[in-house]
PDB file of N, CA and C in Angstrom:
ATOM      1  N   MET A   1       0.687  -1.011   0.022  1.00  0.00           N
ATOM      2  CA  MET A   1       0.299  -0.096   0.186  1.00  0.00           C
ATOM      3  C   MET A   1       0.713   1.511   0.304  1.00  0.00           C
ATOM      4  N   ASP A   2      -0.129   2.164  -0.958  1.00  0.00           N
ATOM      5  CA  ASP A   2       0.989   3.191  -1.224  1.00  0.00           C
ATOM      6  C   ASP A   2       1.183   4.289   0.624  1.00  0.00           C
ATOM      7  N   ASP A   3       2.706   5.170   0.874  1.00  0.00           N
ATOM      8  CA  ASP A   3       2.184   5.888   1.577  1.00  0.00           C
ATOM      9  C   ASP A   3       1.639   7.256   1.198  1.00  0.00           C
ATOM     10  N   THR A   4       0.641   7.544   1.819  1.00  0.00           N
ATOM     11  CA  THR A   4       0.228   9.023   1.687  1.00  0.00           C
ATOM     12  C   THR A   4       1.318   9.886   1.875  1.00  0.00           C
ATOM     13  N   LYS A   5       2.100   9.989   2.566  1.00  0.00           N
ATOM     14  CA  LYS A   5       2.939  10.861   2.982  1.00  0.00           C
ATOM     15  C   LYS A   5       3.592  11.449   1.407  1.00  0.00           C
ATOM     16  N   SER A   6       3.528  10.683   0.646  1.00  0.00           N
ATOM     17  CA  SER A   6       4.655  10.658  -0.786  1.00  0.00           C
ATOM     18  C   SER A   6       3.600  11.391  -1.911  1.00  0.00           C
ATOM     19  N   LYS A   7       2.264  11.727  -1.743  1.00  0.00           N
ATOM     20  CA  LYS A   7       1.743  12.278  -2.747  1.00  0.00           C
ATOM     21  C   LYS A   7       1.432  13.706  -2.664  1.00  0.00           C
ATOM     22  N   PRO A   8       1.414  13.924  -4.178  1.00  0.00           N
ATOM     23  CA  PRO A   8       1.341  15.697  -3.837  1.00  0.00           C
ATOM     24  C   PRO A   8       0.793  16.708  -2.976  1.00  0.00           C
ATOM     25  N   ASP A   9      -0.013  16.258  -2.460  1.00  0.00           N
ATOM     26  CA  ASP A   9      -0.799  17.171  -1.464  1.00  0.00           C
ATOM     27  C   ASP A   9      -0.048  16.970   0.192  1.00  0.00           C
ATOM     28  N   SER A  10       1.271  16.093   0.006  1.00  0.00           N
ATOM     29  CA  SER A  10       1.658  15.548   1.311  1.00  0.00           C
ATOM     30  C   SER A  10       2.345  17.206   1.766  1.00  0.00           C
ATOM     31  N   SER A  11       2.410  17.851   0.849  1.00  0.00           N
ATOM     32  CA  SER A  11       2.977  19.545   1.878  1.00  0.00           C
ATOM     33  C   SER A  11       1.881  20.179   2.618  1.00  0.00           C
ATOM     34  N   ALA A  12       0.255  20.258   2.266  1.00  0.00           N
ATOM     35  CA  ALA A  12      -0.551  20.552   2.755  1.00  0.00           C
ATOM     36  C   ALA A  12      -1.401  20.130   4.078  1.00  0.00           C
ATOM     37  N   ILE A  13      -0.580  19.084   3.736  1.00  0.00           N
ATOM     38  CA  ILE A  13      -0.543  17.641   5.274  1.00  0.00           C
ATOM     39  C   ILE A  13       0.379  18.168   6.094  1.00  0.00           C
ATOM     40  N   GLU A  14       1.361  18.266   5.607  1.00  0.00           N
ATOM     41  CA  GLU A  14       2.413  18.789   6.563  1.00  0.00           C
ATOM     42  C   GLU A  14       2.442  20.307   7.292  1.00  0.00           C
ATOM     43  N   ARG A  15       1.939  21.198   6.697  1.00  0.00           N
ATOM     44  CA  ARG A  15       1.600  22.105   6.725  1.00  0.00           C
ATOM     45  C   ARG A  15       0.521  22.306   8.088  1.00  0.00           C
ATOM     46  N   LEU A  16      -0.590  21.356   8.059  1.00  0.00           N
ATOM     47  CA  LEU A  16      -1.746  20.886   8.914  1.00  0.00           C
ATOM     48  C   LEU A  16      -0.644  20.639  10.195  1.00  0.00           C
ATOM     49  N   ARG A  17      -0.143  19.699   9.928  1.00  0.00           N
ATOM     50  CA  ARG A  17       0.382  18.923  10.966  1.00  0.00           C
ATOM     51  C   ARG A  17       1.270  19.811  12.082  1.00  0.00           C
ATOM     52  N   GLN A  18       2.116  20.820  11.307  1.00  0.00           N
ATOM     53  CA  GLN A  18       2.885  21.159  12.275  1.00  0.00           C
ATOM     54  C   GLN A  18       2.223  22.565  12.842  1.00  0.00           C
ATOM     55  N   GLU A  19       0.816  23.237  12.053  1.00  0.00           N
ATOM     56  CA  GLU A  19       0.246  23.857  12.444  1.00  0.00           C
ATOM     57  C   GLU A  19      -0.861  23.539  14.154  1.00  0.00           C
ATOM     58  N   PHE A  20      -0.838  21.975  13.535  1.00  0.00           N
ATOM     59  CA  PHE A  20      -2.191  21.580  15.079  1.00  0.00           C
ATOM     60  C   PHE A  20      -1.384  20.355  15.415  1.00  0.00           C
ATOM     61  N   PRO A  21      -0.527  20.563  16.337  1.00  0.00           N
ATOM     62  CA  PRO A  21       0.466  19.251  16.739  1.00  0.00           C
ATOM     63  C   PRO A  21      -0.315  18.255  17.198  1.00  0.00           C
ATOM     64  N   GLY A  22      -1.638  19.010  17.776  1.00  0.00           N
ATOM     65  CA  GLY A  22      -2.149  17.800  19.015  1.00  0.00           C
ATOM     66  C   GLY A  22      -3.503  17.360  18.036  1.00  0.00           C
ATOM     67  N   HIS A  23      -2.938  17.238  16.805  1.00  0.00           N
ATOM     68  CA  HIS A  23      -3.977  16.171  15.881  1.00  0.00           C
ATOM     69  C   HIS A  23      -3.171  14.957  15.235  1.00  0.00           C
ATOM     70  N   ARG A  24      -3.263  13.925  15.091  1.00  0.00           N
ATOM     71  CA  ARG A  24      -2.708  13.124  14.182  1.00  0.00           C
ATOM     72  C   ARG A  24      -3.516  13.704  12.648  1.00  0.00           C
ATOM     73  N   ILE A  25      -3.072  13.707  11.608  1.00  0.00           N
ATOM     74  CA  ILE A  25      -3.041  14.514  10.157  1.00  0.00           C
ATOM     75  C   ILE A  25      -2.959  13.505   9.455  1.00  0.00           C
ATOM     76  N   TRP A  26      -3.850  12.829   8.532  1.00  0.00           N
ATOM     77  CA  TRP A  26      -3.306  11.946   7.316  1.00  0.00           C
ATOM     78  C   TRP A  26      -4.748  12.653   6.460  1.00  0.00           C
ATOM     79  N   ARG A  27      -4.305  11.218   5.211  1.00  0.00           N
ATOM     80  CA  ARG A  27      -5.333  11.234   4.038  1.00  0.00           C
ATOM     81  C   ARG A  27      -5.957   9.999   3.988  1.00  0.00           C
ATOM     82  N   SER A  28      -6.877   9.395   4.363  1.00  0.00           N
ATOM     83  CA  SER A  28      -7.779   8.449   4.097  1.00  0.00           C
ATOM     84  C   SER A  28      -7.809   7.918   2.507  1.00  0.00           C
ATOM     85  N   ARG A  29      -8.032   6.589   2.934  1.00  0.00           N
ATOM     86  CA  ARG A  29      -8.277   5.801   1.567  1.00  0.00           C
ATOM     87  C   ARG A  29      -9.582   5.491   0.841  1.00  0.00           C
ATOM     88  N   ARG A  30     -10.190   5.783   0.063  1.00  0.00           N
ATOM     89  CA  ARG A  30     -11.214   5.121  -0.764  1.00  0.00           C
ATOM     90  C   ARG A  30     -11.238   3.868  -0.615  1.00  0.00           C
ATOM     91  N   TRP A  31     -12.552   3.007  -0.709  1.00  0.00           N
ATOM     92  CA  TRP A  31     -12.951   1.611  -1.247  1.00  0.00           C
ATOM     93  C   TRP A  31     -11.972   1.302  -2.507  1.00  0.00           C
ATOM     94  N   ASP A  32     -11.740   2.119  -3.225  1.00  0.00           N
ATOM     95  CA  ASP A  32     -11.238   2.065  -4.559  1.00  0.00           C
ATOM     96  C   ASP A  32      -9.298   2.280  -4.951  1.00  0.00           C
ATOM     97  N   GLY A  33      -8.897   2.514  -4.017  1.00  0.00           N
ATOM     98  CA  GLY A  33      -7.425   2.974  -3.517  1.00  0.00           C
ATOM     99  C   GLY A  33      -7.456   3.919  -3.876  1.00  0.00           C
ATOM    100  N   LEU A  34      -7.701   4.912  -4.314  1.00  0.00           N
ATOM    101  CA  LEU A  34      -8.045   6.205  -4.334  1.00  0.00           C
ATOM    102  C   LEU A  34      -7.473   7.230  -3.334  1.00  0.00           C
ATOM    103  N   PRO A  35      -6.929   8.479  -3.060  1.00  0.00           N
ATOM    104  CA  PRO A  35      -7.189   9.222  -2.364  1.00  0.00           C
ATOM    105  C   PRO A  35      -8.748   9.600  -1.648  1.00  0.00           C
ATOM    106  N   GLY A  36      -8.648   9.855  -0.360  1.00  0.00           N
ATOM    107  CA  GLY A  36     -10.112  10.365   0.119  1.00  0.00           C
ATOM    108  C   GLY A  36     -10.031  11.323   0.997  1.00  0.00           C
ATOM    109  N   GLU A  37     -11.022  11.569   1.925  1.00  0.00           N
ATOM    110  CA  GLU A  37     -10.906  12.695   3.126  1.00  0.00           C
ATOM    111  C   GLU A  37      -9.871  13.142   3.532  1.00  0.00           C
ATOM    112  N   TYR A  38      -9.529  14.318   4.141  1.00  0.00           N
ATOM    113  CA  TYR A  38      -8.368  14.788   4.705  1.00  0.00           C
ATOM    114  C   TYR A  38      -8.955  14.615   6.595  1.00  0.00           C
ATOM    115  N   VAL A  39      -8.361  13.946   7.226  1.00  0.00           N
ATOM    116  CA  VAL A  39      -8.705  13.372   8.666  1.00  0.00           C
ATOM    117  C   VAL A  39      -7.835  13.974   9.354  1.00  0.00           C
ATOM    118  N   ALA A  40      -8.383  14.309  10.520  1.00  0.00           N
ATOM    119  CA  ALA A  40      -7.749  14.718  11.588  1.00  0.00           C
ATOM    120  C   ALA A  40      -8.122  13.810  13.029  1.00  0.00           C
ATOM    121  N   THR A  41      -6.874  12.982  14.086  1.00  0.00           N
ATOM    122  CA  THR A  41      -7.450  12.162  14.889  1.00  0.00           C
ATOM    123  C   THR A  41      -7.122  13.070  16.160  1.00  0.00           C
ATOM    124  N   LEU A  42      -7.826  13.647  17.138  1.00  0.00           N
ATOM    125  CA  LEU A  42      -7.216  14.508  18.289  1.00  0.00           C
ATOM    126  C   LEU A  42      -6.525  13.182  19.147  1.00  0.00           C
ATOM    127  N   ILE A  43      -5.261  13.805  19.793  1.00  0.00           N
ATOM    128  CA  ILE A  43      -4.166  12.725  20.058  1.00  0.00           C
ATOM    129  C   ILE A  43      -4.009  13.881  21.784  1.00  0.00           C
ATOM    130  N   ASP A  44      -4.438  14.843  21.556  1.00  0.00           N
ATOM    131  CA  ASP A  44      -4.161  15.765  23.008  1.00  0.00           C
ATOM    132  C   ASP A  44      -5.413  16.613  23.505  1.00  0.00           C
ATOM    133  N   PRO A  45      -6.029  16.124  24.559  1.00  0.00           N
ATOM    134  CA  PRO A  45      -7.814  17.331  24.569  1.00  0.00           C
ATOM    135  C   PRO A  45      -7.532  18.146  24.659  1.00  0.00           C
ATOM    136  N   CYS A  46      -6.699  18.532  25.244  1.00  0.00           N
ATOM    137  CA  CYS A  46      -6.164  20.157  25.257  1.00  0.00           C
ATOM    138  C   CYS A  46      -6.689  20.882  23.611  1.00  0.00           C
ATOM    139  N   ALA A  47      -6.592  20.342  22.941  1.00  0.00           N
ATOM    140  CA  ALA A  47      -6.223  20.459  21.176  1.00  0.00           C
ATOM    141  C   ALA A  47      -7.850  21.026  20.628  1.00  0.00           C
ATOM    142  N   GLY A  48      -8.375  19.938  21.225  1.00  0.00           N
ATOM    143  CA  GLY A  48     -10.059  19.972  20.626  1.00  0.00           C
ATOM    144  C   GLY A  48     -10.998  19.254  21.281  1.00  0.00           C
ATOM    145  N   VAL A  49     -12.007  18.931  20.664  1.00  0.00           N
ATOM    146  CA  VAL A  49     -13.216  18.145  21.221  1.00  0.00           C
ATOM    147  C   VAL A  49     -13.125  17.250  20.283  1.00  0.00           C
ATOM    148  N   ASP A  50     -13.984  17.017  19.543  1.00  0.00           N
ATOM    149  CA  ASP A  50     -14.247  15.423  18.415  1.00  0.00           C
ATOM    150  C   ASP A  50     -13.027  14.918  18.555  1.00  0.00           C
ATOM    151  N   ALA A  51     -13.353  13.541  18.071  1.00  0.00           N
ATOM    152  CA  ALA A  51     -12.059  13.008  18.270  1.00  0.00           C
ATOM    153  C   ALA A  51     -11.691  12.568  16.863  1.00  0.00           C
ATOM    154  N   THR A  52     -12.687  12.777  15.814  1.00  0.00           N
ATOM    155  CA  THR A  52     -12.091  12.849  14.612  1.00  0.00           C
ATOM    156  C   THR A  52     -13.123  13.570  13.767  1.00  0.00           C
ATOM    157  N   MET A  53     -12.141  14.082  12.495  1.00  0.00           N
ATOM    158  CA  MET A  53     -12.908  15.217  11.816  1.00  0.00           C
ATOM    159  C   MET A  53     -12.899  14.492  10.173  1.00  0.00           C
ATOM    160  N   MET A  54     -13.300  14.933   9.374  1.00  0.00           N
ATOM    161  CA  MET A  54     -12.596  14.100   8.367  1.00  0.00           C
ATOM    162  C   MET A  54     -13.420  15.723   7.165  1.00  0.00           C
ATOM    163  N   ARG A  55     -12.512  15.971   6.592  1.00  0.00           N
ATOM    164  CA  ARG A  55     -13.546  17.049   5.561  1.00  0.00           C
ATOM    165  C   ARG A  55     -12.735  16.431   3.669  1.00  0.00           C
ATOM    166  N   ALA A  56     -13.347  17.250   2.553  1.00  0.00           N
ATOM    167  CA  ALA A  56     -12.895  17.062   1.488  1.00  0.00           C
ATOM    168  C   ALA A  56     -11.767  17.699   1.133  1.00  0.00           C
ATOM    169  N   ALA A  57     -11.188  18.680   1.554  1.00  0.00           N
ATOM    170  CA  ALA A  57     -10.054  19.451   1.425  1.00  0.00           C
ATOM    171  C   ALA A  57      -9.344  19.919   2.623  1.00  0.00           C
ATOM    172  N   PRO A  58      -7.851  20.012   2.037  1.00  0.00           N
ATOM    173  CA  PRO A  58      -7.230  20.567   3.586  1.00  0.00           C
ATOM    174  C   PRO A  58      -7.545  21.654   4.152  1.00  0.00           C
ATOM    175  N   GLU A  59      -8.301  22.878   3.522  1.00  0.00           N
ATOM    176  CA  GLU A  59      -8.409  24.211   3.880  1.00  0.00           C
ATOM    177  C   GLU A  59      -9.583  24.019   4.371  1.00  0.00           C
ATOM    178  N   GLU A  60     -10.891  22.988   4.315  1.00  0.00           N
ATOM    179  CA  GLU A  60     -11.805  22.572   4.756  1.00  0.00           C
ATOM    180  C   GLU A  60     -11.240  22.489   6.235  1.00  0.00           C
ATOM    181  N   LEU A  61     -10.643  21.475   6.174  1.00  0.00           N
ATOM    182  CA  LEU A  61     -10.005  20.641   7.136  1.00  0.00           C
ATOM    183  C   LEU A  61      -9.571  22.016   8.766  1.00  0.00           C
ATOM    184  N   ARG A  62      -8.522  22.489   8.007  1.00  0.00           N
ATOM    185  CA  ARG A  62      -7.836  23.526   8.468  1.00  0.00           C
ATOM    186  C   ARG A  62      -9.164  24.509   9.833  1.00  0.00           C
ATOM    187  N   ALA A  63     -10.280  25.001   8.876  1.00  0.00           N
ATOM    188  CA  ALA A  63     -11.122  25.398   9.266  1.00  0.00           C
ATOM    189  C   ALA A  63     -11.688  25.190  10.755  1.00  0.00           C
ATOM    190  N   GLU A  64     -12.181  23.571  10.310  1.00  0.00           N
ATOM    191  CA  GLU A  64     -12.536  22.664  11.650  1.00  0.00           C
ATOM    192  C   GLU A  64     -11.960  23.040  12.333  1.00  0.00           C
ATOM    193  N   LEU A  65     -10.540  22.575  12.173  1.00  0.00           N
ATOM    194  CA  LEU A  65      -9.426  22.570  13.392  1.00  0.00           C
ATOM    195  C   LEU A  65      -9.307  23.968  13.823  1.00  0.00           C
ATOM    196  N   ILE A  66      -9.072  24.654  13.816  1.00  0.00           N
ATOM    197  CA  ILE A  66      -9.386  26.317  13.904  1.00  0.00           C
ATOM    198  C   ILE A  66     -10.573  26.129  15.390  1.00  0.00           C
ATOM    199  N   LYS A  67     -11.610  25.672  14.451  1.00  0.00           N
ATOM    200  CA  LYS A  67     -13.479  25.868  15.504  1.00  0.00           C
ATOM    201  C   LYS A  67     -12.968  24.763  16.653  1.00  0.00           C
ATOM    202  N   GLU A  68     -12.213  23.842  16.303  1.00  0.00           N
ATOM    203  CA  GLU A  68     -12.023  22.935  17.713  1.00  0.00           C
ATOM    204  C   GLU A  68     -10.966  23.399  18.445  1.00  0.00           C
ATOM    205  N   ALA A  69     -10.194  23.975  18.094  1.00  0.00           N
ATOM    206  CA  ALA A  69      -9.326  24.887  19.120  1.00  0.00           C
ATOM    207  C   ALA A  69      -9.985  25.713  19.719  1.00  0.00           C
ATOM    208  N   ALA A  70     -10.894  26.377  19.118  1.00  0.00           N
ATOM    209  CA  ALA A  70     -11.826  27.570  19.875  1.00  0.00           C
ATOM    210  C   ALA A  70     -12.742  26.579  21.291  1.00  0.00           C
ATOM    211  N   ARG A  71     -13.313  26.015  20.675  1.00  0.00           N
ATOM    212  CA  ARG A  71     -14.043  24.751  21.448  1.00  0.00           C
ATOM    213  C   ARG A  71     -13.242  24.211  22.417  1.00  0.00           C
ATOM    214  N   ALA A  72     -12.377  23.851  22.246  1.00  0.00           N
ATOM    215  CA  ALA A  72     -11.010  23.594  23.628  1.00  0.00           C
ATOM    216  C   ALA A  72     -10.820  24.204  24.843  1.00  0.00           C
ATOM    217  N   GLN A  73     -10.732  25.606  24.182  1.00  0.00           N
ATOM    218  CA  GLN A  73     -10.545  26.542  24.830  1.00  0.00           C
ATOM    219  C   GLN A  73     -11.357  27.256  25.760  1.00  0.00           C
ATOM    220  N   GLY A  74     -13.057  26.731  25.288  1.00  0.00           N
ATOM    221  CA  GLY A  74     -14.057  27.174  26.172  1.00  0.00           C
ATOM    222  C   GLY A  74     -14.801  28.247  25.824  1.00  0.00           C
ATOM    223  N   ARG A  75     -14.195  28.909  24.398  1.00  0.00           N
ATOM    224  CA  ARG A  75     -14.526  30.474  23.905  1.00  0.00           C
ATOM    225  C   ARG A  75     -16.038  29.866  23.091  1.00  0.00           C
ATOM    226  N   ILE A  76     -16.339  28.684  22.430  1.00  0.00           N
ATOM    227  CA  ILE A  76     -17.571  28.178  21.842  1.00  0.00           C
ATOM    228  C   ILE A  76     -18.160  27.234  22.301  1.00  0.00           C
ATOM    229  N   ARG A  77     -19.281  27.244  22.604  1.00  0.00           N
ATOM    230  CA  ARG A  77     -19.730  25.588  23.208  1.00  0.00           C
ATOM    231  C   ARG A  77     -20.609  25.402  21.676  1.00  0.00           C
ATOM    232  N   SER A  78     -20.903  24.126  21.593  1.00  0.00           N
ATOM    233  CA  SER A  78     -21.655  23.308  20.955  1.00  0.00           C
ATOM    234  C   SER A  78     -22.203  22.049  21.159  1.00  0.00           C
ATOM    235  N   PHE A  79     -23.574  22.295  21.232  1.00  0.00           N
ATOM    236  CA  PHE A  79     -24.316  21.450  22.059  1.00  0.00           C
ATOM    237  C   PHE A  79     -24.920  20.108  20.581  1.00  0.00           C
ATOM    238  N   ARG A  80     -24.364  19.227  20.791  1.00  0.00           N
ATOM    239  CA  ARG A  80     -25.254  18.456  19.224  1.00  0.00           C
ATOM    240  C   ARG A  80     -25.779  17.390  19.505  1.00  0.00           C
TER     241      ARG A  80
END
């Protein structure tokens, strides 16, 4: 299986990893082997609230990670 770190979008993933070290950030794989969504899995409870987030584009994931950081700091409350 190919390592997702060697894909062309690896620079976007690396930037997200540097900006959000409290999450494990990676690219999922679809059922047909093609690259799937961008995924952030929480590894530091101070960095977010939701355990896992998935978005179609790195910019969308970044926006959600910013919201998560604010939620973790108690500035935004979200009841689902």
